Each structure stands twice: as structure tokens, then as C-alpha cells.
Amino acid sequence: MAITLSPKAAQHIERYLQKRGKGIGLRLGVRTTGCSGMAYKLEYVDEPDTADQVFESHGVKVFVDAKSLPYIDGTELDYAREGLNEGFKFSNPNEKAACGCGESFTV
């Protein structure tokens, strides 16, 4: 499988990288936290890590570390605006449940 971006997510990442003036893509991973056990973590990548798996979607590179990949393989990342809120939305086929606040998930 792979990690994919929606066109809106890819456009948002490209705009932000241009605004930043540096960067080669986005790193997607997971960390242990929250009431459900895991949370997504995102950061912009300036230097690739040789251990990262690299996916490209709509011209944007997504870097994933080997430890996180089994938990997020097949995930599509979207960017949405709902009322006054905007941000990334994760569609993860491995997710079995999420906490009520939406900050963490379990597989």
C-alpha cells in the first residue's frame, strides 16, 4: 500500500513549503500518547532520513519512518476547512477506534 495525499492536502503542503522558503516534503508518523494510545505527528522535512520510506502524491513527497508505517499504511491525508476550523484529516484503514476528542486513535 502507500500513503497518499488529496489534491487539497498536496496544495496546502506545497504552499507552506514555498512560504517557509525551504523543505522537501512532509513527514508523517505516529507517537504513543492520548487516551486511545497513538496520535499522528506531522513535520516538514528539510533533510531526508535514509531509513524513511518515501511516497509521492500529487508532486509532494511524504516521508514515513519504518516504525510508524505499519500503523498508517494505506492512509490518505486530506486538508479541510469546516467553519472556523481547518486542518489535516486522516483516513486510516488501520484505525479501529478514536477517542472522543479526536486527538488519538488505536489500531
N, C-alpha and C. Protein backbone atom coordinates (compact mmCIF):
# COMPACT_ATOMS: atom_id res chain seq x y z
N MET A 1 0.84 -1.18 0.00
CA MET A 1 0.00 0.00 0.00
C MET A 1 0.88 1.24 0.00
N ALA A 2 0.31 2.35 0.34
CA ALA A 2 1.06 3.60 0.30
C ALA A 2 0.37 4.66 1.15
N ILE A 3 1.04 5.77 1.30
CA ILE A 3 0.47 6.96 1.93
C ILE A 3 0.13 7.90 0.78
N THR A 4 -1.08 8.44 0.76
CA THR A 4 -1.47 9.35 -0.32
C THR A 4 -1.98 10.66 0.25
N LEU A 5 -1.97 11.67 -0.60
CA LEU A 5 -2.48 12.99 -0.26
C LEU A 5 -3.64 13.31 -1.19
N SER A 6 -4.64 13.99 -0.67
CA SER A 6 -5.69 14.52 -1.53
C SER A 6 -5.08 15.71 -2.27
N PRO A 7 -5.69 16.13 -3.38
CA PRO A 7 -5.19 17.32 -4.06
C PRO A 7 -5.13 18.56 -3.15
N LYS A 8 -6.14 18.73 -2.28
CA LYS A 8 -6.15 19.88 -1.37
C LYS A 8 -4.99 19.82 -0.38
N ALA A 9 -4.70 18.63 0.15
CA ALA A 9 -3.59 18.48 1.10
C ALA A 9 -2.27 18.77 0.40
N ALA A 10 -2.10 18.26 -0.81
CA ALA A 10 -0.86 18.50 -1.56
C ALA A 10 -0.68 19.99 -1.83
N GLN A 11 -1.74 20.68 -2.22
CA GLN A 11 -1.65 22.12 -2.48
C GLN A 11 -1.28 22.89 -1.22
N HIS A 12 -1.89 22.51 -0.09
CA HIS A 12 -1.59 23.19 1.18
C HIS A 12 -0.12 22.99 1.56
N ILE A 13 0.38 21.78 1.43
CA ILE A 13 1.78 21.49 1.78
C ILE A 13 2.72 22.25 0.85
N GLU A 14 2.45 22.25 -0.45
CA GLU A 14 3.29 22.98 -1.40
C GLU A 14 3.33 24.47 -1.06
N ARG A 15 2.18 25.06 -0.79
CA ARG A 15 2.12 26.49 -0.44
C ARG A 15 2.93 26.77 0.82
N TYR A 16 2.79 25.90 1.83
CA TYR A 16 3.50 26.13 3.08
C TYR A 16 5.01 26.00 2.89
N LEU A 17 5.45 25.01 2.10
CA LEU A 17 6.88 24.85 1.85
C LEU A 17 7.44 26.07 1.11
N GLN A 18 6.68 26.61 0.16
CA GLN A 18 7.11 27.81 -0.56
C GLN A 18 7.19 29.01 0.40
N LYS A 19 6.20 29.13 1.26
CA LYS A 19 6.17 30.22 2.24
C LYS A 19 7.35 30.13 3.20
N ARG A 20 7.67 28.89 3.61
CA ARG A 20 8.81 28.64 4.51
C ARG A 20 10.13 28.97 3.83
N GLY A 21 10.18 28.77 2.51
CA GLY A 21 11.41 29.02 1.78
C GLY A 21 12.38 27.86 1.78
N LYS A 22 11.99 26.74 2.35
CA LYS A 22 12.84 25.54 2.36
C LYS A 22 11.97 24.34 2.66
N GLY A 23 12.52 23.17 2.44
CA GLY A 23 11.82 21.93 2.73
C GLY A 23 11.61 21.10 1.47
N ILE A 24 11.56 19.79 1.67
CA ILE A 24 11.42 18.87 0.54
C ILE A 24 10.16 18.01 0.64
N GLY A 25 9.41 18.15 1.71
CA GLY A 25 8.20 17.36 1.85
C GLY A 25 7.68 17.36 3.28
N LEU A 26 6.84 16.38 3.56
CA LEU A 26 6.17 16.27 4.86
C LEU A 26 6.48 14.90 5.46
N ARG A 27 6.80 14.87 6.76
CA ARG A 27 6.99 13.60 7.46
C ARG A 27 5.72 13.30 8.24
N LEU A 28 5.20 12.09 8.04
CA LEU A 28 4.03 11.61 8.75
C LEU A 28 4.45 10.43 9.60
N GLY A 29 4.06 10.45 10.86
CA GLY A 29 4.39 9.36 11.76
C GLY A 29 3.36 9.26 12.87
N VAL A 30 3.62 8.37 13.81
CA VAL A 30 2.77 8.23 14.97
C VAL A 30 3.63 8.27 16.22
N ARG A 31 2.99 8.65 17.32
CA ARG A 31 3.65 8.63 18.63
C ARG A 31 2.67 8.07 19.63
N THR A 32 3.18 7.53 20.70
CA THR A 32 2.34 6.97 21.75
C THR A 32 1.89 8.11 22.66
N THR A 33 0.56 8.26 22.78
CA THR A 33 0.00 9.33 23.60
C THR A 33 -1.51 9.22 23.64
N GLY A 34 -2.13 10.04 24.43
CA GLY A 34 -3.59 10.17 24.43
C GLY A 34 -4.32 9.01 25.07
N CYS A 35 -5.64 9.14 25.09
CA CYS A 35 -6.46 8.13 25.76
C CYS A 35 -6.67 6.88 24.91
N SER A 36 -6.43 6.96 23.60
CA SER A 36 -6.60 5.78 22.74
C SER A 36 -5.27 5.11 22.40
N GLY A 37 -4.15 5.74 22.72
CA GLY A 37 -2.87 5.08 22.56
C GLY A 37 -1.91 5.69 21.56
N MET A 38 -2.39 6.20 20.42
CA MET A 38 -1.48 6.73 19.41
C MET A 38 -2.03 8.04 18.86
N ALA A 39 -1.11 8.89 18.41
CA ALA A 39 -1.50 10.14 17.77
C ALA A 39 -0.63 10.35 16.55
N TYR A 40 -1.19 11.02 15.56
CA TYR A 40 -0.42 11.34 14.37
C TYR A 40 0.53 12.48 14.68
N LYS A 41 1.69 12.46 14.03
CA LYS A 41 2.60 13.59 14.13
C LYS A 41 3.03 13.99 12.73
N LEU A 42 3.07 15.27 12.50
CA LEU A 42 3.44 15.83 11.21
C LEU A 42 4.56 16.83 11.40
N GLU A 43 5.51 16.83 10.48
CA GLU A 43 6.55 17.85 10.49
C GLU A 43 7.08 18.00 9.07
N TYR A 44 7.54 19.18 8.77
CA TYR A 44 8.10 19.43 7.45
C TYR A 44 9.54 18.93 7.43
N VAL A 45 9.95 18.38 6.28
CA VAL A 45 11.25 17.74 6.14
C VAL A 45 12.19 18.65 5.36
N ASP A 46 13.35 18.94 5.96
CA ASP A 46 14.39 19.69 5.27
C ASP A 46 15.48 18.74 4.78
N GLU A 47 15.75 17.70 5.55
CA GLU A 47 16.77 16.70 5.22
C GLU A 47 16.14 15.32 5.36
N PRO A 48 16.20 14.48 4.32
CA PRO A 48 15.63 13.14 4.44
C PRO A 48 16.45 12.25 5.36
N ASP A 49 15.80 11.31 5.98
CA ASP A 49 16.46 10.29 6.79
C ASP A 49 16.59 9.06 5.90
N THR A 50 17.75 8.44 5.87
CA THR A 50 17.97 7.30 4.98
C THR A 50 17.05 6.12 5.29
N ALA A 51 16.51 6.05 6.50
CA ALA A 51 15.62 4.95 6.88
C ALA A 51 14.16 5.21 6.52
N ASP A 52 13.84 6.40 6.05
CA ASP A 52 12.46 6.73 5.71
C ASP A 52 12.00 6.03 4.44
N GLN A 53 10.74 5.66 4.43
CA GLN A 53 10.06 5.22 3.21
C GLN A 53 9.50 6.50 2.60
N VAL A 54 9.64 6.69 1.29
CA VAL A 54 9.20 7.92 0.65
C VAL A 54 8.07 7.60 -0.33
N PHE A 55 6.98 8.32 -0.20
CA PHE A 55 5.83 8.22 -1.10
C PHE A 55 5.66 9.57 -1.77
N GLU A 56 5.19 9.58 -3.01
CA GLU A 56 4.93 10.84 -3.68
C GLU A 56 3.49 10.85 -4.16
N SER A 57 2.79 11.93 -3.86
CA SER A 57 1.40 12.06 -4.22
C SER A 57 1.14 13.49 -4.69
N HIS A 58 0.63 13.65 -5.90
CA HIS A 58 0.35 14.97 -6.47
C HIS A 58 1.59 15.87 -6.44
N GLY A 59 2.76 15.26 -6.66
CA GLY A 59 4.00 16.02 -6.72
C GLY A 59 4.62 16.37 -5.38
N VAL A 60 4.04 15.90 -4.28
CA VAL A 60 4.56 16.19 -2.93
C VAL A 60 5.08 14.89 -2.31
N LYS A 61 6.27 14.97 -1.72
CA LYS A 61 6.87 13.80 -1.07
C LYS A 61 6.40 13.69 0.38
N VAL A 62 6.06 12.45 0.77
CA VAL A 62 5.67 12.15 2.14
C VAL A 62 6.66 11.13 2.67
N PHE A 63 7.31 11.45 3.78
CA PHE A 63 8.32 10.60 4.40
C PHE A 63 7.71 9.91 5.62
N VAL A 64 7.95 8.59 5.74
CA VAL A 64 7.41 7.82 6.86
C VAL A 64 8.51 6.93 7.42
N ASP A 65 8.69 6.95 8.73
CA ASP A 65 9.68 6.08 9.36
C ASP A 65 9.15 4.65 9.43
N ALA A 66 10.05 3.68 9.44
CA ALA A 66 9.69 2.26 9.41
C ALA A 66 8.83 1.85 10.60
N LYS A 67 9.04 2.44 11.76
CA LYS A 67 8.28 2.10 12.96
C LYS A 67 6.81 2.52 12.84
N SER A 68 6.55 3.66 12.19
CA SER A 68 5.19 4.17 12.05
C SER A 68 4.41 3.52 10.91
N LEU A 69 5.10 3.08 9.87
CA LEU A 69 4.43 2.62 8.65
C LEU A 69 3.38 1.54 8.88
N PRO A 70 3.59 0.51 9.69
CA PRO A 70 2.53 -0.50 9.87
C PRO A 70 1.22 0.07 10.42
N TYR A 71 1.29 1.16 11.18
CA TYR A 71 0.10 1.75 11.78
C TYR A 71 -0.65 2.69 10.83
N ILE A 72 0.05 3.20 9.82
CA ILE A 72 -0.57 4.20 8.94
C ILE A 72 -0.57 3.82 7.47
N ASP A 73 -0.10 2.62 7.14
CA ASP A 73 -0.06 2.19 5.75
C ASP A 73 -1.46 2.23 5.15
N GLY A 74 -1.61 2.85 4.01
CA GLY A 74 -2.90 2.98 3.36
C GLY A 74 -3.64 4.26 3.70
N THR A 75 -3.05 5.11 4.53
CA THR A 75 -3.70 6.35 4.97
C THR A 75 -3.73 7.39 3.85
N GLU A 76 -4.85 8.08 3.75
CA GLU A 76 -4.93 9.26 2.88
C GLU A 76 -5.05 10.48 3.77
N LEU A 77 -4.24 11.46 3.47
CA LEU A 77 -4.23 12.71 4.21
C LEU A 77 -4.96 13.76 3.39
N ASP A 78 -5.97 14.39 3.99
CA ASP A 78 -6.74 15.43 3.33
C ASP A 78 -6.58 16.72 4.13
N TYR A 79 -6.91 17.83 3.51
CA TYR A 79 -6.89 19.12 4.20
C TYR A 79 -8.27 19.73 4.03
N ALA A 80 -8.92 20.05 5.14
CA ALA A 80 -10.30 20.52 5.06
C ALA A 80 -10.51 21.74 5.93
N ARG A 81 -11.46 22.55 5.52
CA ARG A 81 -11.89 23.71 6.30
C ARG A 81 -13.35 23.49 6.64
N GLU A 82 -13.65 23.53 7.93
CA GLU A 82 -15.02 23.36 8.42
C GLU A 82 -15.33 24.52 9.35
N GLY A 83 -16.10 25.46 8.86
CA GLY A 83 -16.40 26.65 9.65
C GLY A 83 -15.14 27.45 9.90
N LEU A 84 -14.83 27.70 11.17
CA LEU A 84 -13.63 28.44 11.52
C LEU A 84 -12.41 27.54 11.68
N ASN A 85 -12.63 26.22 11.65
CA ASN A 85 -11.53 25.27 11.84
C ASN A 85 -11.02 24.77 10.50
N GLU A 86 -9.72 24.58 10.43
CA GLU A 86 -9.12 23.97 9.26
C GLU A 86 -7.94 23.13 9.71
N GLY A 87 -7.67 22.08 8.94
CA GLY A 87 -6.54 21.23 9.29
C GLY A 87 -6.55 19.94 8.51
N PHE A 88 -5.56 19.12 8.82
CA PHE A 88 -5.42 17.83 8.16
C PHE A 88 -6.42 16.83 8.73
N LYS A 89 -6.95 16.00 7.85
CA LYS A 89 -7.86 14.90 8.22
C LYS A 89 -7.21 13.61 7.75
N PHE A 90 -7.25 12.59 8.60
CA PHE A 90 -6.62 11.31 8.31
C PHE A 90 -7.68 10.26 8.03
N SER A 91 -7.56 9.58 6.91
CA SER A 91 -8.42 8.45 6.59
C SER A 91 -7.52 7.22 6.62
N ASN A 92 -7.49 6.55 7.77
CA ASN A 92 -6.57 5.45 8.03
C ASN A 92 -7.35 4.13 8.09
N PRO A 93 -7.14 3.22 7.13
CA PRO A 93 -7.87 1.95 7.15
C PRO A 93 -7.50 1.05 8.32
N ASN A 94 -6.40 1.32 9.00
CA ASN A 94 -5.96 0.51 10.14
C ASN A 94 -6.58 0.95 11.46
N GLU A 95 -7.17 2.13 11.47
CA GLU A 95 -7.73 2.69 12.70
C GLU A 95 -8.97 1.91 13.13
N LYS A 96 -8.95 1.39 14.35
CA LYS A 96 -10.08 0.63 14.89
C LYS A 96 -11.01 1.50 15.73
N ALA A 97 -10.44 2.49 16.39
CA ALA A 97 -11.24 3.38 17.24
C ALA A 97 -10.45 4.67 17.46
N ALA A 98 -11.19 5.73 17.77
CA ALA A 98 -10.58 7.03 18.08
C ALA A 98 -11.21 7.57 19.35
N CYS A 99 -10.48 8.39 20.07
CA CYS A 99 -11.03 8.97 21.28
C CYS A 99 -12.07 10.03 20.90
N GLY A 100 -12.89 10.41 21.84
CA GLY A 100 -13.95 11.38 21.60
C GLY A 100 -13.45 12.74 21.16
N CYS A 101 -12.29 13.14 21.63
CA CYS A 101 -11.77 14.46 21.28
C CYS A 101 -11.07 14.45 19.93
N GLY A 102 -10.82 13.27 19.36
CA GLY A 102 -10.20 13.16 18.05
C GLY A 102 -8.69 13.32 18.04
N GLU A 103 -8.08 13.35 19.21
CA GLU A 103 -6.63 13.54 19.29
C GLU A 103 -5.83 12.25 19.17
N SER A 104 -6.44 11.12 19.48
CA SER A 104 -5.68 9.87 19.42
C SER A 104 -6.54 8.75 18.87
N PHE A 105 -5.86 7.64 18.50
CA PHE A 105 -6.54 6.50 17.89
C PHE A 105 -5.87 5.21 18.32
N THR A 106 -6.51 4.10 17.99
CA THR A 106 -5.94 2.77 18.26
C THR A 106 -6.08 1.91 17.02
N VAL A 107 -5.17 0.97 16.86
CA VAL A 107 -5.22 0.05 15.71
C VAL A 107 -5.42 -1.38 16.20
